[in-house]
């Protein structure tokens, strides 16, 4: 069976890269939301998202699941 995108880990434009790119894009969207509080000296919320441990753990868990399912399918 052949999957498109490829489920093999490390393949450019594969399923892992697709999901990782989508999650990364969600983080990047936070850079488009201007911060209302100007006294913080930070223009947007992207840094806040990247520093949140809970979000980082969820991202890691998601990518582990992607890897696990990909390995199971191959």
Protein backbone atom coordinates (compact mmCIF):
# COMPACT_ATOMS: atom_id res chain seq x y z
CA UNK A 1 0.00 0.00 0.00
CA UNK A 2 1.28 3.48 -0.84
CA UNK A 3 0.36 6.52 1.23
CA UNK A 4 0.36 10.11 0.02
CA UNK A 5 1.88 11.91 1.82
CA UNK A 6 4.39 9.30 2.82
CA UNK A 7 4.10 7.93 6.36
CA UNK A 8 7.83 7.23 6.58
CA UNK A 9 9.57 9.38 9.18
CA UNK A 10 12.26 11.71 7.85
CA UNK A 11 10.85 11.89 4.32
CA UNK A 12 10.55 15.47 3.07
CA UNK A 13 6.91 16.55 2.72
CA UNK A 14 5.76 13.40 4.50
CA UNK A 15 2.85 13.08 6.91
CA UNK A 16 5.00 13.93 9.93
CA UNK A 17 6.21 17.13 8.26
CA UNK A 18 2.65 18.02 7.27
CA UNK A 19 1.30 17.72 10.82
CA UNK A 20 4.35 19.44 12.30
CA UNK A 21 3.95 22.29 9.82
CA UNK A 22 0.27 22.69 10.68
CA UNK A 23 1.02 22.87 14.40
CA UNK A 24 3.84 25.33 13.72
CA UNK A 25 1.45 27.48 11.69
CA UNK A 26 -0.93 27.65 14.66
CA UNK A 27 1.92 29.00 16.78
CA UNK A 28 2.85 31.50 14.06
CA UNK A 29 -0.72 32.81 13.95
CA UNK A 30 -0.16 34.18 17.44
CA UNK A 31 2.35 36.59 15.90
CA UNK A 32 -0.56 38.18 14.01
CA UNK A 33 -2.44 39.04 17.21
CA UNK A 34 -1.23 42.40 18.42
CA UNK A 35 -0.84 42.74 22.16
CA UNK A 36 -3.08 45.36 23.75
CA UNK A 37 -0.80 45.99 26.72
CA UNK A 38 2.01 48.12 25.30
CA UNK A 39 3.93 48.27 28.61
CA UNK A 40 5.13 44.67 28.17
CA UNK A 41 7.41 45.61 25.29
CA UNK A 42 6.25 42.55 23.35
CA UNK A 43 4.30 43.17 20.15
CA UNK A 44 2.38 39.88 19.95
CA UNK A 45 1.57 36.59 21.71
CA UNK A 46 3.76 34.07 19.86
CA UNK A 47 6.50 34.04 22.50
CA UNK A 48 3.90 33.40 25.21
CA UNK A 49 2.59 30.34 23.36
CA UNK A 50 6.07 28.97 22.77
CA UNK A 51 6.90 29.30 26.48
CA UNK A 52 3.76 27.51 27.73
CA UNK A 53 4.83 24.10 29.05
CA UNK A 54 1.35 22.60 28.68
CA UNK A 55 1.19 23.48 24.98
CA UNK A 56 4.69 22.15 24.45
CA UNK A 57 3.73 18.86 26.12
CA UNK A 58 0.59 18.58 23.97
CA UNK A 59 2.62 19.23 20.83
CA UNK A 60 5.12 16.55 21.83
CA UNK A 61 2.32 14.08 22.57
CA UNK A 62 0.66 14.79 19.22
CA UNK A 63 3.88 14.25 17.30
CA UNK A 64 4.55 11.02 19.23
CA UNK A 65 1.08 9.81 18.25
CA UNK A 66 1.73 10.72 14.63
CA UNK A 67 4.95 8.73 14.72
CA UNK A 68 3.28 5.79 16.45
CA UNK A 69 0.40 5.61 13.98
CA UNK A 70 2.72 6.01 11.03
CA UNK A 71 4.88 3.14 12.28
CA UNK A 72 1.80 0.99 12.79
CA UNK A 73 0.54 1.66 9.28
CA UNK A 74 3.83 0.80 7.59
